[in-house]
C-alpha atoms as a PDB file:
ATOM      1  CA  MET A   1      77.397  62.538 -26.042  1.00  0.00           C
ATOM      2  CA  THR A   2      80.642  64.570 -26.585  1.00  0.00           C
ATOM      3  CA  ALA A   3      84.310  63.254 -26.548  1.00  0.00           C
ATOM      4  CA  PRO A   4      86.191  64.744 -23.425  1.00  0.00           C
ATOM      5  CA  ALA A   5      88.659  67.294 -24.786  1.00  0.00           C
ATOM      6  CA  LEU A   6      92.120  66.784 -24.817  1.00  0.00           C
ATOM      7  CA  THR A   7      94.385  68.883 -21.880  1.00  0.00           C
ATOM      8  CA  ALA A   8      97.211  70.815 -23.192  1.00  0.00           C
ATOM      9  CA  GLY A   9     100.655  69.555 -22.849  1.00  0.00           C
ATOM     10  CA  PRO A  10     103.603  70.988 -20.739  1.00  0.00           C
ATOM     11  CA  ALA A  11     104.166  74.552 -21.788  1.00  0.00           C
ATOM     12  CA  ARG A  12     107.651  75.054 -23.439  1.00  0.00           C
ATOM     13  CA  ARG A  13     109.877  78.229 -22.659  1.00  0.00           C
ATOM     14  CA  THR A  14     111.772  79.208 -25.576  1.00  0.00           C
ATOM     15  CA  SER A  15     114.962  80.804 -24.519  1.00  0.00           C
ATOM     16  CA  THR A  16     116.058  83.893 -25.922  1.00  0.00           C
ATOM     17  CA  VAL A  17     119.750  83.902 -25.149  1.00  0.00           C
ATOM     18  CA  PHE A  18     119.586  80.366 -27.192  1.00  0.00           C
ATOM     19  CA  VAL A  19     117.769  81.632 -30.222  1.00  0.00           C
ATOM     20  CA  ALA A  20     119.991  84.609 -30.458  1.00  0.00           C
ATOM     21  CA  SER A  21     123.333  82.447 -30.507  1.00  0.00           C
ATOM     22  CA  ALA A  22     121.774  80.605 -33.576  1.00  0.00           C
ATOM     23  CA  PHE A  23     120.750  83.740 -35.187  1.00  0.00           C
ATOM     24  CA  VAL A  24     124.777  85.037 -34.935  1.00  0.00           C
ATOM     25  CA  ALA A  25     126.057  81.882 -35.682  1.00  0.00           C
ATOM     26  CA  GLY A  26     124.016  81.391 -38.697  1.00  0.00           C
ATOM     27  CA  ALA A  27     125.623  85.130 -39.536  1.00  0.00           C
ATOM     28  CA  VAL A  28     128.865  84.477 -38.865  1.00  0.00           C
ATOM     29  CA  ALA A  29     128.301  81.223 -41.569  1.00  0.00           C
ATOM     30  CA  MET A  30     126.772  83.079 -43.855  1.00  0.00           C
ATOM     31  CA  LEU A  31     129.592  85.510 -43.533  1.00  0.00           C
ATOM     32  CA  MET A  32     132.582  83.054 -44.000  1.00  0.00           C
ATOM     33  CA  GLY A  33     130.379  81.247 -46.541  1.00  0.00           C
ATOM     34  CA  GLY A  34     130.462  84.663 -48.955  1.00  0.00           C
ATOM     35  CA  MET A  35     134.330  85.284 -48.291  1.00  0.00           C
ATOM     36  CA  LEU A  36     135.044  81.555 -49.070  1.00  0.00           C
ATOM     37  CA  ALA A  37     132.895  82.058 -52.224  1.00  0.00           C
ATOM     38  CA  ILE A  38     134.488  85.191 -53.211  1.00  0.00           C
ATOM     39  CA  TRP A  39     137.998  83.126 -52.659  1.00  0.00           C
ATOM     40  CA  LEU A  40     137.159  80.333 -54.714  1.00  0.00           C
ATOM     41  CA  ASP A  41     136.201  82.546 -57.409  1.00  0.00           C
ATOM     42  CA  PHE A  42     139.553  84.664 -57.570  1.00  0.00           C
ATOM     43  CA  ARG A  43     141.415  81.201 -57.710  1.00  0.00           C
ATOM     44  CA  ALA A  44     138.994  79.985 -60.777  1.00  0.00           C
ATOM     45  CA  ASN A  45     139.828  83.129 -62.290  1.00  0.00           C
ATOM     46  CA  ALA A  46     143.768  83.189 -61.380  1.00  0.00           C
ATOM     47  CA  PRO A  47     145.656  83.318 -64.493  1.00  0.00           C
ATOM     48  CA  THR A  48     147.492  80.453 -65.876  1.00  0.00           C
ATOM     49  CA  ARG A  49     150.859  79.638 -66.624  1.00  0.00           C
ATOM     50  CA  VAL A  50     153.329  76.997 -67.767  1.00  0.00           C
ATOM     51  CA  ALA A  51     154.981  74.481 -65.668  1.00  0.00           C
ATOM     52  CA  GLU A  52     158.828  74.400 -65.587  1.00  0.00           C
ATOM     53  CA  ASP A  53     158.700  70.998 -67.502  1.00  0.00           C
ATOM     54  CA  GLY A  54     156.223  72.847 -70.461  1.00  0.00           C
ATOM     55  CA  GLY A  55     154.101  69.903 -70.698  1.00  0.00           C
ATOM     56  CA  ARG A  56     150.865  71.545 -68.304  1.00  0.00           C
ATOM     57  CA  LEU A  57     149.401  74.701 -67.614  1.00  0.00           C
ATOM     58  CA  ILE A  58     148.839  75.368 -63.844  1.00  0.00           C
ATOM     59  CA  LYS A  59     147.199  78.315 -61.632  1.00  0.00           C
ATOM     60  CA  ASP A  60     149.166  81.288 -60.950  1.00  0.00           C
ATOM     61  CA  TRP A  61     147.598  81.660 -57.938  1.00  0.00           C
ATOM     62  CA  LEU A  62     149.569  80.457 -54.897  1.00  0.00           C
ATOM     63  CA  LYS A  63     153.438  81.662 -55.219  1.00  0.00           C
ATOM     64  CA  LYS A  64     156.589  79.399 -55.021  1.00  0.00           C
ATOM     65  CA  ASP A  65     157.551  81.588 -52.123  1.00  0.00           C
ATOM     66  CA  VAL A  66     154.271  80.785 -49.873  1.00  0.00           C
ATOM     67  CA  ALA A  67     154.268  77.748 -47.775  1.00  0.00           C
ATOM     68  CA  ILE A  68     150.988  77.363 -45.443  1.00  0.00           C
ATOM     69  CA  PRO A  69     152.629  75.587 -42.129  1.00  0.00           C
ATOM     70  CA  GLU A  70     150.442  72.649 -42.154  1.00  0.00           C
ATOM     71  CA  VAL A  71     151.416  71.538 -38.771  1.00  0.00           C
ATOM     72  CA  LEU A  72     149.762  74.788 -37.579  1.00  0.00           C
ATOM     73  CA  SER A  73     146.592  74.512 -39.521  1.00  0.00           C
ATOM     74  CA  ASN A  74     146.056  70.940 -38.920  1.00  0.00           C
ATOM     75  CA  THR A  75     146.511  71.556 -34.954  1.00  0.00           C
ATOM     76  CA  MET A  76     144.032  74.297 -34.720  1.00  0.00           C
ATOM     77  CA  MET A  77     141.726  72.136 -36.425  1.00  0.00           C
ATOM     78  CA  PHE A  78     142.032  69.593 -33.905  1.00  0.00           C
ATOM     79  CA  THR A  79     141.843  72.093 -31.004  1.00  0.00           C
ATOM     80  CA  PHE A  80     138.561  73.360 -32.240  1.00  0.00           C
ATOM     81  CA  VAL A  81     137.271  69.104 -30.897  1.00  0.00           C
ATOM     82  CA  VAL A  82     138.925  70.512 -27.515  1.00  0.00           C
ATOM     83  CA  ALA A  83     136.843  73.442 -27.290  1.00  0.00           C
ATOM     84  CA  CYS A  84     133.950  71.839 -27.986  1.00  0.00           C
ATOM     85  CA  LEU A  85     133.961  68.935 -25.763  1.00  0.00           C
ATOM     86  CA  MET A  86     134.760  71.773 -23.176  1.00  0.00           C
ATOM     87  CA  ALA A  87     131.968  73.948 -24.193  1.00  0.00           C
ATOM     88  CA  GLN A  88     129.576  70.740 -23.997  1.00  0.00           C
ATOM     89  CA  TRP A  89     131.011  69.538 -20.675  1.00  0.00           C
ATOM     90  CA  ALA A  90     129.930  72.751 -18.993  1.00  0.00           C
ATOM     91  CA  VAL A  91     126.485  72.151 -20.158  1.00  0.00           C
ATOM     92  CA  TYR A  92     126.531  69.205 -18.625  1.00  0.00           C
ATOM     93  CA  ALA A  93     127.958  70.087 -15.544  1.00  0.00           C
ATOM     94  CA  ALA A  94     125.443  73.352 -14.813  1.00  0.00           C
ATOM     95  CA  ARG A  95     122.319  70.677 -15.552  1.00  0.00           C
ATOM     96  CA  ARG A  96     123.915  68.975 -12.488  1.00  0.00           C
ATOM     97  CA  GLY A  97     124.443  72.080 -10.379  1.00  0.00           C
ATOM     98  CA  ASP A  98     127.925  71.937 -10.284  1.00  0.00           C
ATOM     99  CA  LYS A  99     129.646  74.766 -10.472  1.00  0.00           C
ATOM    100  CA  SER A 100     133.306  73.986 -10.077  1.00  0.00           C
ATOM    101  CA  HIS A 101     133.451  71.687 -13.304  1.00  0.00           C
ATOM    102  CA  ALA A 102     130.981  74.351 -14.820  1.00  0.00           C
ATOM    103  CA  THR A 103     133.674  77.043 -14.517  1.00  0.00           C
ATOM    104  CA  LEU A 104     136.533  74.615 -14.967  1.00  0.00           C
ATOM    105  CA  ALA A 105     135.245  73.675 -18.286  1.00  0.00           C
ATOM    106  CA  LEU A 106     134.030  77.274 -19.448  1.00  0.00           C
ATOM    107  CA  ALA A 107     137.654  78.353 -18.316  1.00  0.00           C
ATOM    108  CA  ILE A 108     139.382  75.353 -20.712  1.00  0.00           C
ATOM    109  CA  THR A 109     137.181  76.859 -23.264  1.00  0.00           C
ATOM    110  CA  LEU A 110     138.675  80.368 -22.906  1.00  0.00           C
ATOM    111  CA  PHE A 111     142.141  79.365 -23.010  1.00  0.00           C
ATOM    112  CA  THR A 112     141.632  76.629 -25.687  1.00  0.00           C
ATOM    113  CA  GLY A 113     140.290  80.018 -27.565  1.00  0.00           C
ATOM    114  CA  LEU A 114     143.505  81.571 -26.708  1.00  0.00           C
ATOM    115  CA  ALA A 115     145.709  78.626 -28.683  1.00  0.00           C
ATOM    116  CA  LEU A 116     143.785  79.309 -31.524  1.00  0.00           C
ATOM    117  CA  LEU A 117     144.430  82.802 -31.705  1.00  0.00           C
ATOM    118  CA  ASN A 118     148.366  82.301 -30.440  1.00  0.00           C
ATOM    119  CA  ALA A 119     148.659  79.272 -33.421  1.00  0.00           C
ATOM    120  CA  GLN A 120     147.010  81.602 -35.757  1.00  0.00           C
ATOM    121  CA  ILE A 121     149.553  84.534 -35.370  1.00  0.00           C
ATOM    122  CA  ALA A 122     152.004  81.651 -35.367  1.00  0.00           C
ATOM    123  CA  LEU A 123     151.023  81.079 -38.704  1.00  0.00           C
ATOM    124  CA  TRP A 124     151.034  84.520 -40.541  1.00  0.00           C
ATOM    125  CA  VAL A 125     154.495  84.945 -38.950  1.00  0.00           C
ATOM    126  CA  GLN A 126     155.766  81.688 -40.498  1.00  0.00           C
ATOM    127  CA  MET A 127     154.213  82.493 -44.016  1.00  0.00           C
ATOM    128  CA  GLY A 128     155.692  86.061 -43.997  1.00  0.00           C
ATOM    129  CA  ILE A 129     153.271  87.548 -46.159  1.00  0.00           C
ATOM    130  CA  ALA A 130     152.120  91.535 -46.536  1.00  0.00           C
ATOM    131  CA  LEU A 131     148.732  92.601 -46.993  1.00  0.00           C
ATOM    132  CA  ARG A 132     148.928  94.404 -50.267  1.00  0.00           C
ATOM    133  CA  THR A 133     151.359  92.193 -52.688  1.00  0.00           C
ATOM    134  CA  ASP A 134     148.648  90.091 -54.536  1.00  0.00           C
ATOM    135  CA  ALA A 135     145.116  89.338 -54.933  1.00  0.00           C
ATOM    136  CA  TYR A 136     145.796  85.661 -52.928  1.00  0.00           C
ATOM    137  CA  GLU A 137     147.440  87.398 -50.042  1.00  0.00           C
ATOM    138  CA  THR A 138     144.825  90.276 -49.399  1.00  0.00           C
ATOM    139  CA  MET A 139     142.504  87.736 -49.591  1.00  0.00           C
ATOM    140  CA  PHE A 140     143.971  85.103 -47.410  1.00  0.00           C
ATOM    141  CA  CYS A 141     144.804  87.987 -45.040  1.00  0.00           C
ATOM    142  CA  ALA A 142     140.748  89.147 -45.230  1.00  0.00           C
ATOM    143  CA  ILE A 143     139.636  85.486 -44.239  1.00  0.00           C
ATOM    144  CA  THR A 144     142.065  84.293 -41.797  1.00  0.00           C
ATOM    145  CA  GLY A 145     141.824  87.632 -40.213  1.00  0.00           C
ATOM    146  CA  THR A 146     138.081  87.395 -40.291  1.00  0.00           C
ATOM    147  CA  MET A 147     137.821  84.041 -38.328  1.00  0.00           C
ATOM    148  CA  PHE A 148     140.430  85.440 -36.024  1.00  0.00           C
ATOM    149  CA  ALA A 149     137.820  87.968 -34.909  1.00  0.00           C
ATOM    150  CA  ILE A 150     135.078  85.356 -34.812  1.00  0.00           C
ATOM    151  CA  ILE A 151     137.349  83.186 -32.710  1.00  0.00           C
ATOM    152  CA  ALA A 152     137.725  86.192 -30.328  1.00  0.00           C
ATOM    153  CA  SER A 153     134.448  86.536 -29.999  1.00  0.00           C
ATOM    154  CA  ALA A 154     133.455  83.000 -29.047  1.00  0.00           C
ATOM    155  CA  MET A 155     136.180  83.808 -26.473  1.00  0.00           C
ATOM    156  CA  ALA A 156     134.256  86.817 -25.453  1.00  0.00           C
ATOM    157  CA  TYR A 157     131.010  84.552 -24.928  1.00  0.00           C
ATOM    158  CA  SER A 158     133.513  81.734 -23.081  1.00  0.00           C
ATOM    159  CA  PHE A 159     134.148  84.764 -20.447  1.00  0.00           C
ATOM    160  CA  VAL A 160     130.758  86.141 -19.916  1.00  0.00           C
ATOM    161  CA  ALA A 161     129.575  82.378 -19.304  1.00  0.00           C
ATOM    162  CA  MET A 162     132.224  81.539 -17.197  1.00  0.00           C
ATOM    163  CA  PHE A 163     131.604  84.770 -15.278  1.00  0.00           C
ATOM    164  CA  ARG A 164     127.529  84.424 -14.888  1.00  0.00           C
ATOM    165  CA  VAL A 165     128.532  80.598 -13.483  1.00  0.00           C
ATOM    166  CA  LEU A 166     131.352  82.716 -10.934  1.00  0.00           C
ATOM    167  CA  ALA A 167     127.913  84.832 -10.235  1.00  0.00           C
ATOM    168  CA  GLY A 168     125.871  81.874  -8.467  1.00  0.00           C
ATOM    169  CA  ARG A 169     123.321  81.673 -12.362  1.00  0.00           C
ATOM    170  CA  VAL A 170     124.819  77.730 -12.625  1.00  0.00           C
ATOM    171  CA  ASN A 171     121.749  76.727 -13.097  1.00  0.00           C
ATOM    172  CA  ASP A 172     121.027  79.150 -16.381  1.00  0.00           C
ATOM    173  CA  VAL A 173     121.517  76.432 -18.789  1.00  0.00           C
ATOM    174  CA  ASP A 174     119.983  78.175 -21.737  1.00  0.00           C
ATOM    175  CA  VAL A 175     123.260  80.676 -21.362  1.00  0.00           C
ATOM    176  CA  LEU A 176     125.610  77.591 -21.911  1.00  0.00           C
ATOM    177  CA  ALA A 177     123.920  76.045 -24.657  1.00  0.00           C
ATOM    178  CA  GLY A 178     123.871  78.848 -26.428  1.00  0.00           C
ATOM    179  CA  HIS A 179     127.469  78.727 -25.898  1.00  0.00           C
ATOM    180  CA  ALA A 180     127.836  75.047 -26.847  1.00  0.00           C
ATOM    181  CA  LEU A 181     126.106  75.814 -29.593  1.00  0.00           C
ATOM    182  CA  TYR A 182     128.208  79.437 -31.065  1.00  0.00           C
ATOM    183  CA  TRP A 183     131.783  77.185 -30.744  1.00  0.00           C
ATOM    184  CA  TYR A 184     130.124  74.584 -32.250  1.00  0.00           C
ATOM    185  CA  ALA A 185     129.160  76.909 -35.503  1.00  0.00           C
ATOM    186  CA  VAL A 186     132.651  78.292 -35.158  1.00  0.00           C
ATOM    187  CA  SER A 187     134.250  75.144 -35.366  1.00  0.00           C
ATOM    188  CA  GLY A 188     132.263  74.309 -38.575  1.00  0.00           C
ATOM    189  CA  THR A 189     133.145  77.583 -39.759  1.00  0.00           C
ATOM    190  CA  PHE A 190     136.904  77.121 -39.217  1.00  0.00           C
ATOM    191  CA  ALA A 191     136.821  73.663 -41.017  1.00  0.00           C
ATOM    192  CA  ALA A 192     134.873  74.558 -44.169  1.00  0.00           C
ATOM    193  CA  MET A 193     138.050  77.565 -43.720  1.00  0.00           C
ATOM    194  CA  TRP A 194     140.759  75.374 -43.407  1.00  0.00           C
ATOM    195  CA  PHE A 195     139.723  72.772 -45.995  1.00  0.00           C
ATOM    196  CA  VAL A 196     139.341  75.497 -48.396  1.00  0.00           C
ATOM    197  CA  VAL A 197     142.107  77.984 -47.826  1.00  0.00           C
ATOM    198  CA  TYR A 198     144.698  75.397 -46.070  1.00  0.00           C
ATOM    199  CA  VAL A 199     144.226  72.132 -47.658  1.00  0.00           C
ATOM    200  CA  GLN A 200     143.446  72.914 -51.239  1.00  0.00           C
ATOM    201  CA  LYS A 201     144.760  76.304 -51.236  1.00  0.00           C
END
């Protein structure tokens, strides 16, 4: 007597948009990880100078007249929490077919990204650094400028997702899940940059 064959489980559809979002998020993380590695290498190899008290050597990396506005940088870090919450709220609303709340959540995510870009521009203005003065300022502009472009790409994703919801595709949860994943990745990337560039300097 032969044993009965087991029935196949339910087919699980893999979302192309979600997988593509994960690949792009990984590429963003690798890009920023490479730039931060170069930053740390530059900082480690920076020349040393004798401190004013004459008792110790300090790295000649961050100049005395360059000050990072910590209020702005910390505010940006906490603003990413709001963006992630709103992106996840959009997924929650879409799973329940709630078009109005999904649209509202995506709109808030989009404007939160705009606030992040505004804060980054304000930080550049307050610091008043130039692109080609020295290694620190060049690396700082390169890394923060790249992060600026990454945030802008996340905003573009929010705009496209909101347009799809407004067009009646609120049940397309995979797009909104990929959108939330991308915002999580951008937030994690900024957190790494915030710690290395803004906190550790």
